[in-house]
Amino acid sequence: MKNVYELRNEFELKEWRTAITREDFEAAFYKTKEKITFTLNGWDGKSYDGESRSGCIYRTSIKGFEDETFVKVGKHLFYIVEDSNVLEHATGEYHKEADWFLDVLRKN
């Protein structure tokens, strides 16, 4: 399996090489019926104690990355770190960590 960051090389990156167009996102990623509970683990400026959120799983059809798990929160696309287990202090439950991957620009 390839490193998930190699997937970034498949796109023409915009805005300081941090974002893809909405069209590229819609062509490369699709929403599934699967759900996941995950933590941003402080990336959002508030989940420092492992506070979790739920979201729909996105997948890609790009060869070599079909098994990667992604979630979209606002304009941000995150990938799920499968070998992570972050403790949510309030509940005592463990959740997967989501790491930032790309931003998705608005349609023109």
PDB file of N, CA and C in Angstrom:
ATOM      1  N   MET A   1       0.845  -1.181   0.000  1.00  0.00           N
ATOM      2  CA  MET A   1       0.000   0.000   0.000  1.00  0.00           C
ATOM      3  C   MET A   1       0.887   1.239   0.000  1.00  0.00           C
ATOM      4  N   LYS A   2       0.443   2.239  -0.742  1.00  0.00           N
ATOM      5  CA  LYS A   2       1.201   3.478  -0.864  1.00  0.00           C
ATOM      6  C   LYS A   2       0.938   4.390   0.335  1.00  0.00           C
ATOM      7  N   ASN A   3       1.855   5.301   0.553  1.00  0.00           N
ATOM      8  CA  ASN A   3       1.672   6.333   1.574  1.00  0.00           C
ATOM      9  C   ASN A   3       0.563   7.261   1.105  1.00  0.00           C
ATOM     10  N   VAL A   4      -0.358   7.601   2.003  1.00  0.00           N
ATOM     11  CA  VAL A   4      -1.513   8.411   1.627  1.00  0.00           C
ATOM     12  C   VAL A   4      -1.100   9.770   1.052  1.00  0.00           C
ATOM     13  N   TYR A   5       0.030  10.306   1.484  1.00  0.00           N
ATOM     14  CA  TYR A   5       0.453  11.608   0.963  1.00  0.00           C
ATOM     15  C   TYR A   5       0.907  11.531  -0.491  1.00  0.00           C
ATOM     16  N   GLU A   6       1.210  10.333  -0.990  1.00  0.00           N
ATOM     17  CA  GLU A   6       1.516  10.183  -2.406  1.00  0.00           C
ATOM     18  C   GLU A   6       0.282  10.486  -3.260  1.00  0.00           C
ATOM     19  N   LEU A   7      -0.893  10.321  -2.676  1.00  0.00           N
ATOM     20  CA  LEU A   7      -2.129  10.626  -3.391  1.00  0.00           C
ATOM     21  C   LEU A   7      -2.204  12.102  -3.755  1.00  0.00           C
ATOM     22  N   ARG A   8      -1.617  12.951  -2.951  1.00  0.00           N
ATOM     23  CA  ARG A   8      -1.617  14.392  -3.252  1.00  0.00           C
ATOM     24  C   ARG A   8      -0.959  14.684  -4.598  1.00  0.00           C
ATOM     25  N   ASN A   9       0.004  13.860  -4.998  1.00  0.00           N
ATOM     26  CA  ASN A   9       0.693  14.058  -6.270  1.00  0.00           C
ATOM     27  C   ASN A   9      -0.215  13.814  -7.473  1.00  0.00           C
ATOM     28  N   GLU A  10      -1.376  13.214  -7.243  1.00  0.00           N
ATOM     29  CA  GLU A  10      -2.322  12.935  -8.321  1.00  0.00           C
ATOM     30  C   GLU A  10      -3.120  14.176  -8.718  1.00  0.00           C
ATOM     31  N   PHE A  11      -3.021  15.243  -7.935  1.00  0.00           N
ATOM     32  CA  PHE A  11      -3.843  16.424  -8.150  1.00  0.00           C
ATOM     33  C   PHE A  11      -2.996  17.638  -8.491  1.00  0.00           C
ATOM     34  N   GLU A  12      -3.636  18.579  -9.172  1.00  0.00           N
ATOM     35  CA  GLU A  12      -3.032  19.892  -9.378  1.00  0.00           C
ATOM     36  C   GLU A  12      -3.421  20.725  -8.159  1.00  0.00           C
ATOM     37  N   LEU A  13      -2.480  20.920  -7.264  1.00  0.00           N
ATOM     38  CA  LEU A  13      -2.764  21.589  -5.998  1.00  0.00           C
ATOM     39  C   LEU A  13      -2.806  23.100  -6.175  1.00  0.00           C
ATOM     40  N   LYS A  14      -3.732  23.727  -5.500  1.00  0.00           N
ATOM     41  CA  LYS A  14      -3.944  25.175  -5.553  1.00  0.00           C
ATOM     42  C   LYS A  14      -3.651  25.777  -4.185  1.00  0.00           C
ATOM     43  N   GLU A  15      -3.715  27.100  -4.126  1.00  0.00           N
ATOM     44  CA  GLU A  15      -3.589  27.848  -2.868  1.00  0.00           C
ATOM     45  C   GLU A  15      -2.428  27.335  -1.998  1.00  0.00           C
ATOM     46  N   TRP A  16      -1.247  27.625  -2.408  1.00  0.00           N
ATOM     47  CA  TRP A  16      -0.032  27.239  -1.698  1.00  0.00           C
ATOM     48  C   TRP A  16       0.085  25.729  -1.542  1.00  0.00           C
ATOM     49  N   ARG A  17      -0.417  25.005  -2.561  1.00  0.00           N
ATOM     50  CA  ARG A  17      -0.326  23.551  -2.617  1.00  0.00           C
ATOM     51  C   ARG A  17      -1.039  22.878  -1.437  1.00  0.00           C
ATOM     52  N   THR A  18      -2.174  23.464  -1.026  1.00  0.00           N
ATOM     53  CA  THR A  18      -2.923  22.897   0.093  1.00  0.00           C
ATOM     54  C   THR A  18      -4.342  22.489  -0.280  1.00  0.00           C
ATOM     55  N   ALA A  19      -4.785  22.778  -1.513  1.00  0.00           N
ATOM     56  CA  ALA A  19      -6.188  22.566  -1.855  1.00  0.00           C
ATOM     57  C   ALA A  19      -6.356  22.007  -3.263  1.00  0.00           C
ATOM     58  N   ILE A  20      -7.503  21.355  -3.459  1.00  0.00           N
ATOM     59  CA  ILE A  20      -7.900  20.894  -4.783  1.00  0.00           C
ATOM     60  C   ILE A  20      -9.245  21.536  -5.119  1.00  0.00           C
ATOM     61  N   THR A  21      -9.561  21.538  -6.395  1.00  0.00           N
ATOM     62  CA  THR A  21     -10.832  22.118  -6.813  1.00  0.00           C
ATOM     63  C   THR A  21     -11.976  21.187  -6.416  1.00  0.00           C
ATOM     64  N   ARG A  22     -13.153  21.743  -6.320  1.00  0.00           N
ATOM     65  CA  ARG A  22     -14.350  20.951  -6.029  1.00  0.00           C
ATOM     66  C   ARG A  22     -14.541  19.900  -7.117  1.00  0.00           C
ATOM     67  N   GLU A  23     -14.267  20.258  -8.357  1.00  0.00           N
ATOM     68  CA  GLU A  23     -14.414  19.333  -9.478  1.00  0.00           C
ATOM     69  C   GLU A  23     -13.466  18.141  -9.332  1.00  0.00           C
ATOM     70  N   ASP A  24     -12.211  18.403  -8.955  1.00  0.00           N
ATOM     71  CA  ASP A  24     -11.258  17.310  -8.734  1.00  0.00           C
ATOM     72  C   ASP A  24     -11.709  16.428  -7.575  1.00  0.00           C
ATOM     73  N   PHE A  25     -12.220  17.050  -6.513  1.00  0.00           N
ATOM     74  CA  PHE A  25     -12.708  16.284  -5.366  1.00  0.00           C
ATOM     75  C   PHE A  25     -13.849  15.365  -5.783  1.00  0.00           C
ATOM     76  N   GLU A  26     -14.828  15.895  -6.494  1.00  0.00           N
ATOM     77  CA  GLU A  26     -15.989  15.106  -6.894  1.00  0.00           C
ATOM     78  C   GLU A  26     -15.626  14.007  -7.881  1.00  0.00           C
ATOM     79  N   ALA A  27     -14.584  14.223  -8.677  1.00  0.00           N
ATOM     80  CA  ALA A  27     -14.147  13.211  -9.640  1.00  0.00           C
ATOM     81  C   ALA A  27     -13.355  12.092  -8.968  1.00  0.00           C
ATOM     82  N   ALA A  28     -12.661  12.395  -7.876  1.00  0.00           N
ATOM     83  CA  ALA A  28     -11.753  11.422  -7.269  1.00  0.00           C
ATOM     84  C   ALA A  28     -12.284  10.755  -6.006  1.00  0.00           C
ATOM     85  N   PHE A  29     -13.243  11.381  -5.316  1.00  0.00           N
ATOM     86  CA  PHE A  29     -13.733  10.860  -4.042  1.00  0.00           C
ATOM     87  C   PHE A  29     -15.239  10.640  -4.107  1.00  0.00           C
ATOM     88  N   TYR A  30     -15.698   9.638  -3.375  1.00  0.00           N
ATOM     89  CA  TYR A  30     -17.135   9.400  -3.309  1.00  0.00           C
ATOM     90  C   TYR A  30     -17.525   9.067  -1.871  1.00  0.00           C
ATOM     91  N   LYS A  31     -18.711   9.522  -1.514  1.00  0.00           N
ATOM     92  CA  LYS A  31     -19.253   9.321  -0.174  1.00  0.00           C
ATOM     93  C   LYS A  31     -19.860   7.927  -0.097  1.00  0.00           C
ATOM     94  N   THR A  32     -19.601   7.228   1.002  1.00  0.00           N
ATOM     95  CA  THR A  32     -20.177   5.907   1.205  1.00  0.00           C
ATOM     96  C   THR A  32     -21.284   5.999   2.251  1.00  0.00           C
ATOM     97  N   LYS A  33     -21.946   4.910   2.501  1.00  0.00           N
ATOM     98  CA  LYS A  33     -22.973   4.851   3.541  1.00  0.00           C
ATOM     99  C   LYS A  33     -22.367   4.523   4.900  1.00  0.00           C
ATOM    100  N   GLU A  34     -21.061   4.276   4.932  1.00  0.00           N
ATOM    101  CA  GLU A  34     -20.364   3.954   6.181  1.00  0.00           C
ATOM    102  C   GLU A  34     -20.221   5.208   7.040  1.00  0.00           C
ATOM    103  N   LYS A  35     -20.257   5.028   8.334  1.00  0.00           N
ATOM    104  CA  LYS A  35     -20.040   6.116   9.298  1.00  0.00           C
ATOM    105  C   LYS A  35     -18.831   5.760  10.157  1.00  0.00           C
ATOM    106  N   ILE A  36     -18.204   6.795  10.709  1.00  0.00           N
ATOM    107  CA  ILE A  36     -17.063   6.586  11.601  1.00  0.00           C
ATOM    108  C   ILE A  36     -17.089   7.643  12.698  1.00  0.00           C
ATOM    109  N   THR A  37     -16.663   7.248  13.882  1.00  0.00           N
ATOM    110  CA  THR A  37     -16.458   8.182  14.972  1.00  0.00           C
ATOM    111  C   THR A  37     -14.961   8.385  15.079  1.00  0.00           C
ATOM    112  N   PHE A  38     -14.530   9.635  15.066  1.00  0.00           N
ATOM    113  CA  PHE A  38     -13.104   9.959  15.009  1.00  0.00           C
ATOM    114  C   PHE A  38     -12.829  11.191  15.855  1.00  0.00           C
ATOM    115  N   THR A  39     -11.563  11.483  16.053  1.00  0.00           N
ATOM    116  CA  THR A  39     -11.160  12.705  16.733  1.00  0.00           C
ATOM    117  C   THR A  39     -10.176  13.471  15.863  1.00  0.00           C
ATOM    118  N   LEU A  40     -10.268  14.781  15.939  1.00  0.00           N
ATOM    119  CA  LEU A  40      -9.287  15.628  15.255  1.00  0.00           C
ATOM    120  C   LEU A  40      -8.095  15.884  16.169  1.00  0.00           C
ATOM    121  N   ASN A  41      -8.203  15.465  17.417  1.00  0.00           N
ATOM    122  CA  ASN A  41      -7.091  15.465  18.373  1.00  0.00           C
ATOM    123  C   ASN A  41      -6.392  16.821  18.466  1.00  0.00           C
ATOM    124  N   GLY A  42      -7.195  17.894  18.541  1.00  0.00           N
ATOM    125  CA  GLY A  42      -6.640  19.229  18.708  1.00  0.00           C
ATOM    126  C   GLY A  42      -6.512  20.031  17.434  1.00  0.00           C
ATOM    127  N   TRP A  43      -6.615  19.376  16.267  1.00  0.00           N
ATOM    128  CA  TRP A  43      -6.443  20.107  15.013  1.00  0.00           C
ATOM    129  C   TRP A  43      -7.477  21.215  14.884  1.00  0.00           C
ATOM    130  N   ASP A  44      -8.664  21.000  15.407  1.00  0.00           N
ATOM    131  CA  ASP A  44      -9.739  21.980  15.303  1.00  0.00           C
ATOM    132  C   ASP A  44      -9.668  23.050  16.391  1.00  0.00           C
ATOM    133  N   GLY A  45      -8.653  22.974  17.247  1.00  0.00           N
ATOM    134  CA  GLY A  45      -8.480  23.962  18.301  1.00  0.00           C
ATOM    135  C   GLY A  45      -9.345  23.721  19.521  1.00  0.00           C
ATOM    136  N   LYS A  46      -9.995  22.556  19.590  1.00  0.00           N
ATOM    137  CA  LYS A  46     -10.833  22.297  20.750  1.00  0.00           C
ATOM    138  C   LYS A  46     -10.916  20.841  21.189  1.00  0.00           C
ATOM    139  N   SER A  47     -10.421  19.922  20.439  1.00  0.00           N
ATOM    140  CA  SER A  47     -10.569  18.511  20.807  1.00  0.00           C
ATOM    141  C   SER A  47      -9.281  17.948  21.421  1.00  0.00           C
ATOM    142  N   TYR A  48      -8.687  18.698  22.315  1.00  0.00           N
ATOM    143  CA  TYR A  48      -7.407  18.300  22.910  1.00  0.00           C
ATOM    144  C   TYR A  48      -7.523  17.101  23.840  1.00  0.00           C
ATOM    145  N   ASP A  49      -8.725  16.817  24.329  1.00  0.00           N
ATOM    146  CA  ASP A  49      -8.924  15.663  25.199  1.00  0.00           C
ATOM    147  C   ASP A  49      -9.582  14.514  24.447  1.00  0.00           C
ATOM    148  N   GLY A  50      -9.370  14.472  23.149  1.00  0.00           N
ATOM    149  CA  GLY A  50      -9.863  13.369  22.336  1.00  0.00           C
ATOM    150  C   GLY A  50     -11.335  13.439  21.995  1.00  0.00           C
ATOM    151  N   GLU A  51     -11.972  14.616  22.209  1.00  0.00           N
ATOM    152  CA  GLU A  51     -13.397  14.734  21.894  1.00  0.00           C
ATOM    153  C   GLU A  51     -13.647  14.255  20.475  1.00  0.00           C
ATOM    154  N   SER A  52     -14.714  13.484  20.341  1.00  0.00           N
ATOM    155  CA  SER A  52     -14.976  12.843  19.057  1.00  0.00           C
ATOM    156  C   SER A  52     -16.122  13.503  18.311  1.00  0.00           C
ATOM    157  N   ARG A  53     -16.201  13.161  17.056  1.00  0.00           N
ATOM    158  CA  ARG A  53     -17.315  13.548  16.196  1.00  0.00           C
ATOM    159  C   ARG A  53     -17.542  12.402  15.235  1.00  0.00           C
ATOM    160  N   SER A  54     -18.692  12.392  14.633  1.00  0.00           N
ATOM    161  CA  SER A  54     -19.027  11.336  13.673  1.00  0.00           C
ATOM    162  C   SER A  54     -19.121  11.933  12.284  1.00  0.00           C
ATOM    163  N   GLY A  55     -18.873  11.106  11.300  1.00  0.00           N
ATOM    164  CA  GLY A  55     -18.968  11.568   9.925  1.00  0.00           C
ATOM    165  C   GLY A  55     -19.093  10.419   8.965  1.00  0.00           C
ATOM    166  N   CYS A  56     -19.414  10.764   7.741  1.00  0.00           N
ATOM    167  CA  CYS A  56     -19.504   9.778   6.670  1.00  0.00           C
ATOM    168  C   CYS A  56     -18.118   9.525   6.098  1.00  0.00           C
ATOM    169  N   ILE A  57     -17.904   8.307   5.731  1.00  0.00           N
ATOM    170  CA  ILE A  57     -16.621   7.917   5.148  1.00  0.00           C
ATOM    171  C   ILE A  57     -16.632   8.202   3.653  1.00  0.00           C
ATOM    172  N   TYR A  58     -15.531   8.760   3.186  1.00  0.00           N
ATOM    173  CA  TYR A  58     -15.291   8.954   1.759  1.00  0.00           C
ATOM    174  C   TYR A  58     -14.182   7.997   1.341  1.00  0.00           C
ATOM    175  N   ARG A  59     -14.262   7.528   0.122  1.00  0.00           N
ATOM    176  CA  ARG A  59     -13.225   6.682  -0.466  1.00  0.00           C
ATOM    177  C   ARG A  59     -12.806   7.307  -1.787  1.00  0.00           C
ATOM    178  N   THR A  60     -11.702   6.809  -2.313  1.00  0.00           N
ATOM    179  CA  THR A  60     -11.249   7.245  -3.626  1.00  0.00           C
ATOM    180  C   THR A  60     -11.153   6.044  -4.551  1.00  0.00           C
ATOM    181  N   SER A  61     -11.316   6.298  -5.816  1.00  0.00           N
ATOM    182  CA  SER A  61     -11.191   5.237  -6.812  1.00  0.00           C
ATOM    183  C   SER A  61      -9.816   5.264  -7.474  1.00  0.00           C
ATOM    184  N   ILE A  62      -8.941   6.128  -7.008  1.00  0.00           N
ATOM    185  CA  ILE A  62      -7.600   6.216  -7.582  1.00  0.00           C
ATOM    186  C   ILE A  62      -6.809   4.972  -7.192  1.00  0.00           C
ATOM    187  N   LYS A  63      -6.259   4.323  -8.196  1.00  0.00           N
ATOM    188  CA  LYS A  63      -5.563   3.050  -8.018  1.00  0.00           C
ATOM    189  C   LYS A  63      -4.456   3.152  -6.957  1.00  0.00           C
ATOM    190  N   GLY A  64      -4.458   2.195  -6.064  1.00  0.00           N
ATOM    191  CA  GLY A  64      -3.466   2.123  -5.004  1.00  0.00           C
ATOM    192  C   GLY A  64      -3.912   2.770  -3.699  1.00  0.00           C
ATOM    193  N   PHE A  65      -5.015   3.504  -3.746  1.00  0.00           N
ATOM    194  CA  PHE A  65      -5.495   4.212  -2.552  1.00  0.00           C
ATOM    195  C   PHE A  65      -6.941   3.855  -2.203  1.00  0.00           C
ATOM    196  N   GLU A  66      -7.469   2.816  -2.824  1.00  0.00           N
ATOM    197  CA  GLU A  66      -8.875   2.455  -2.650  1.00  0.00           C
ATOM    198  C   GLU A  66      -9.241   2.091  -1.213  1.00  0.00           C
ATOM    199  N   ASP A  67      -8.284   1.629  -0.433  1.00  0.00           N
ATOM    200  CA  ASP A  67      -8.570   1.208   0.943  1.00  0.00           C
ATOM    201  C   ASP A  67      -8.430   2.328   1.966  1.00  0.00           C
ATOM    202  N   GLU A  68      -7.995   3.495   1.540  1.00  0.00           N
ATOM    203  CA  GLU A  68      -7.850   4.615   2.471  1.00  0.00           C
ATOM    204  C   GLU A  68      -9.217   5.138   2.881  1.00  0.00           C
ATOM    205  N   THR A  69      -9.302   5.619   4.122  1.00  0.00           N
ATOM    206  CA  THR A  69     -10.541   6.156   4.663  1.00  0.00           C
ATOM    207  C   THR A  69     -10.373   7.655   4.854  1.00  0.00           C
ATOM    208  N   PHE A  70     -11.342   8.418   4.343  1.00  0.00           N
ATOM    209  CA  PHE A  70     -11.319   9.872   4.443  1.00  0.00           C
ATOM    210  C   PHE A  70     -12.623  10.356   5.059  1.00  0.00           C
ATOM    211  N   VAL A  71     -12.571  11.516   5.711  1.00  0.00           N
ATOM    212  CA  VAL A  71     -13.765  12.208   6.193  1.00  0.00           C
ATOM    213  C   VAL A  71     -13.628  13.662   5.791  1.00  0.00           C
ATOM    214  N   LYS A  72     -14.771  14.302   5.552  1.00  0.00           N
ATOM    215  CA  LYS A  72     -14.768  15.709   5.171  1.00  0.00           C
ATOM    216  C   LYS A  72     -15.460  16.490   6.273  1.00  0.00           C
ATOM    217  N   VAL A  73     -14.774  17.514   6.770  1.00  0.00           N
ATOM    218  CA  VAL A  73     -15.316  18.388   7.801  1.00  0.00           C
ATOM    219  C   VAL A  73     -15.214  19.809   7.249  1.00  0.00           C
ATOM    220  N   GLY A  74     -16.352  20.380   6.873  1.00  0.00           N
ATOM    221  CA  GLY A  74     -16.334  21.685   6.232  1.00  0.00           C
ATOM    222  C   GLY A  74     -15.581  21.591   4.923  1.00  0.00           C
ATOM    223  N   LYS A  75     -14.616  22.462   4.733  1.00  0.00           N
ATOM    224  CA  LYS A  75     -13.814  22.435   3.500  1.00  0.00           C
ATOM    225  C   LYS A  75     -12.595  21.529   3.619  1.00  0.00           C
ATOM    226  N   HIS A  76     -12.377  20.947   4.778  1.00  0.00           N
ATOM    227  CA  HIS A  76     -11.182  20.142   5.029  1.00  0.00           C
ATOM    228  C   HIS A  76     -11.441  18.660   4.776  1.00  0.00           C
ATOM    229  N   LEU A  77     -10.507  18.026   4.105  1.00  0.00           N
ATOM    230  CA  LEU A  77     -10.551  16.590   3.895  1.00  0.00           C
ATOM    231  C   LEU A  77      -9.463  15.974   4.768  1.00  0.00           C
ATOM    232  N   PHE A  78      -9.853  15.027   5.599  1.00  0.00           N
ATOM    233  CA  PHE A  78      -8.936  14.357   6.513  1.00  0.00           C
ATOM    234  C   PHE A  78      -8.830  12.887   6.130  1.00  0.00           C
ATOM    235  N   TYR A  79      -7.693  12.278   6.448  1.00  0.00           N
ATOM    236  CA  TYR A  79      -7.590  10.827   6.300  1.00  0.00           C
ATOM    237  C   TYR A  79      -7.549  10.227   7.689  1.00  0.00           C
ATOM    238  N   ILE A  80      -8.069   9.028   7.808  1.00  0.00           N
ATOM    239  CA  ILE A  80      -8.120   8.329   9.089  1.00  0.00           C
ATOM    240  C   ILE A  80      -6.838   7.529   9.259  1.00  0.00           C
ATOM    241  N   VAL A  81      -6.184   7.734  10.397  1.00  0.00           N
ATOM    242  CA  VAL A  81      -4.967   6.993  10.728  1.00  0.00           C
ATOM    243  C   VAL A  81      -5.430   5.671  11.349  1.00  0.00           C
ATOM    244  N   GLU A  82      -5.394   4.627  10.547  1.00  0.00           N
ATOM    245  CA  GLU A  82      -5.979   3.349  10.954  1.00  0.00           C
ATOM    246  C   GLU A  82      -5.312   2.724  12.181  1.00  0.00           C
ATOM    247  N   ASP A  83      -4.029   2.965  12.359  1.00  0.00           N
ATOM    248  CA  ASP A  83      -3.354   2.347  13.507  1.00  0.00           C
ATOM    249  C   ASP A  83      -3.341   3.247  14.743  1.00  0.00           C
ATOM    250  N   SER A  84      -4.197   4.251  14.762  1.00  0.00           N
ATOM    251  CA  SER A  84      -4.271   5.145  15.921  1.00  0.00           C
ATOM    252  C   SER A  84      -5.433   4.744  16.819  1.00  0.00           C
ATOM    253  N   ASN A  85      -5.281   5.018  18.100  1.00  0.00           N
ATOM    254  CA  ASN A  85      -6.345   4.848  19.082  1.00  0.00           C
ATOM    255  C   ASN A  85      -6.177   5.969  20.088  1.00  0.00           C
ATOM    256  N   VAL A  86      -7.046   6.967  20.010  1.00  0.00           N
ATOM    257  CA  VAL A  86      -6.960   8.140  20.865  1.00  0.00           C
ATOM    258  C   VAL A  86      -8.070   8.061  21.904  1.00  0.00           C
ATOM    259  N   LEU A  87      -7.699   8.240  23.160  1.00  0.00           N
ATOM    260  CA  LEU A  87      -8.649   8.170  24.265  1.00  0.00           C
ATOM    261  C   LEU A  87      -9.452   9.459  24.352  1.00  0.00           C
ATOM    262  N   GLU A  88     -10.764   9.323  24.389  1.00  0.00           N
ATOM    263  CA  GLU A  88     -11.642  10.453  24.667  1.00  0.00           C
ATOM    264  C   GLU A  88     -11.829  10.484  26.179  1.00  0.00           C
ATOM    265  N   HIS A  89     -11.230  11.470  26.844  1.00  0.00           N
ATOM    266  CA  HIS A  89     -11.196  11.518  28.306  1.00  0.00           C
ATOM    267  C   HIS A  89     -12.584  11.515  28.933  1.00  0.00           C
ATOM    268  N   ALA A  90     -13.550  12.182  28.324  1.00  0.00           N
ATOM    269  CA  ALA A  90     -14.885  12.296  28.907  1.00  0.00           C
ATOM    270  C   ALA A  90     -15.640  10.966  28.921  1.00  0.00           C
ATOM    271  N   THR A  91     -15.414  10.113  27.933  1.00  0.00           N
ATOM    272  CA  THR A  91     -16.184   8.875  27.825  1.00  0.00           C
ATOM    273  C   THR A  91     -15.373   7.623  28.111  1.00  0.00           C
ATOM    274  N   GLY A  92     -14.050   7.720  28.031  1.00  0.00           N
ATOM    275  CA  GLY A  92     -13.201   6.544  28.205  1.00  0.00           C
ATOM    276  C   GLY A  92     -13.134   5.668  26.964  1.00  0.00           C
ATOM    277  N   GLU A  93     -13.723   6.128  25.854  1.00  0.00           N
ATOM    278  CA  GLU A  93     -13.703   5.369  24.603  1.00  0.00           C
ATOM    279  C   GLU A  93     -12.508   5.772  23.751  1.00  0.00           C
ATOM    280  N   TYR A  94     -12.076   4.844  22.910  1.00  0.00           N
ATOM    281  CA  TYR A  94     -10.986   5.112  21.978  1.00  0.00           C
ATOM    282  C   TYR A  94     -11.548   5.310  20.574  1.00  0.00           C
ATOM    283  N   HIS A  95     -10.970   6.250  19.859  1.00  0.00           N
ATOM    284  CA  HIS A  95     -11.397   6.552  18.494  1.00  0.00           C
ATOM    285  C   HIS A  95     -10.174   6.708  17.608  1.00  0.00           C
ATOM    286  N   LYS A  96     -10.397   6.567  16.319  1.00  0.00           N
ATOM    287  CA  LYS A  96      -9.332   6.782  15.339  1.00  0.00           C
ATOM    288  C   LYS A  96      -9.062   8.278  15.207  1.00  0.00           C
ATOM    289  N   GLU A  97      -7.804   8.603  14.922  1.00  0.00           N
ATOM    290  CA  GLU A  97      -7.430   9.997  14.706  1.00  0.00           C
ATOM    291  C   GLU A  97      -7.552  10.337  13.228  1.00  0.00           C
ATOM    292  N   ALA A  98      -8.033  11.544  12.948  1.00  0.00           N
ATOM    293  CA  ALA A  98      -8.100  12.054  11.586  1.00  0.00           C
ATOM    294  C   ALA A  98      -7.025  13.117  11.428  1.00  0.00           C
ATOM    295  N   ASP A  99      -6.184  12.979  10.418  1.00  0.00           N
ATOM    296  CA  ASP A  99      -5.135  13.959  10.120  1.00  0.00           C
ATOM    297  C   ASP A  99      -5.497  14.709   8.850  1.00  0.00           C
ATOM    298  N   TRP A 100      -5.194  16.009   8.847  1.00  0.00           N
ATOM    299  CA  TRP A 100      -5.511  16.849   7.701  1.00  0.00           C
ATOM    300  C   TRP A 100      -4.809  16.335   6.460  1.00  0.00           C
ATOM    301  N   PHE A 101      -5.544  16.369   5.342  1.00  0.00           N
ATOM    302  CA  PHE A 101      -5.009  15.905   4.077  1.00  0.00           C
ATOM    303  C   PHE A 101      -5.003  17.019   3.025  1.00  0.00           C
ATOM    304  N   LEU A 102      -6.147  17.606   2.757  1.00  0.00           N
ATOM    305  CA  LEU A 102      -6.281  18.667   1.755  1.00  0.00           C
ATOM    306  C   LEU A 102      -7.490  19.530   2.101  1.00  0.00           C
ATOM    307  N   ASP A 103      -7.532  20.709   1.518  1.00  0.00           N
ATOM    308  CA  ASP A 103      -8.743  21.510   1.549  1.00  0.00           C
ATOM    309  C   ASP A 103      -9.431  21.365   0.195  1.00  0.00           C
ATOM    310  N   VAL A 104     -10.731  21.533   0.192  1.00  0.00           N
ATOM    311  CA  VAL A 104     -11.511  21.461  -1.042  1.00  0.00           C
ATOM    312  C   VAL A 104     -12.082  22.852  -1.302  1.00  0.00           C
ATOM    313  N   LEU A 105     -11.751  23.415  -2.445  1.00  0.00           N
ATOM    314  CA  LEU A 105     -12.220  24.750  -2.797  1.00  0.00           C
ATOM    315  C   LEU A 105     -13.692  24.739  -3.189  1.00  0.00           C
ATOM    316  N   ARG A 106     -14.331  25.874  -3.076  1.00  0.00           N
ATOM    317  CA  ARG A 106     -15.727  26.008  -3.504  1.00  0.00           C
ATOM    318  C   ARG A 106     -15.794  25.968  -5.021  1.00  0.00           C
ATOM    319  N   LYS A 107     -16.982  25.589  -5.523  1.00  0.00           N
ATOM    320  CA  LYS A 107     -17.180  25.607  -6.979  1.00  0.00           C
ATOM    321  C   LYS A 107     -17.108  27.034  -7.475  1.00  0.00           C
ATOM    322  N   ASN A 108     -16.585  27.192  -8.677  1.00  0.00           N
ATOM    323  CA  ASN A 108     -16.505  28.544  -9.278  1.00  0.00           C
ATOM    324  C   ASN A 108     -17.849  28.996  -9.770  1.00  0.00           C
TER     325      ASN A 108
END
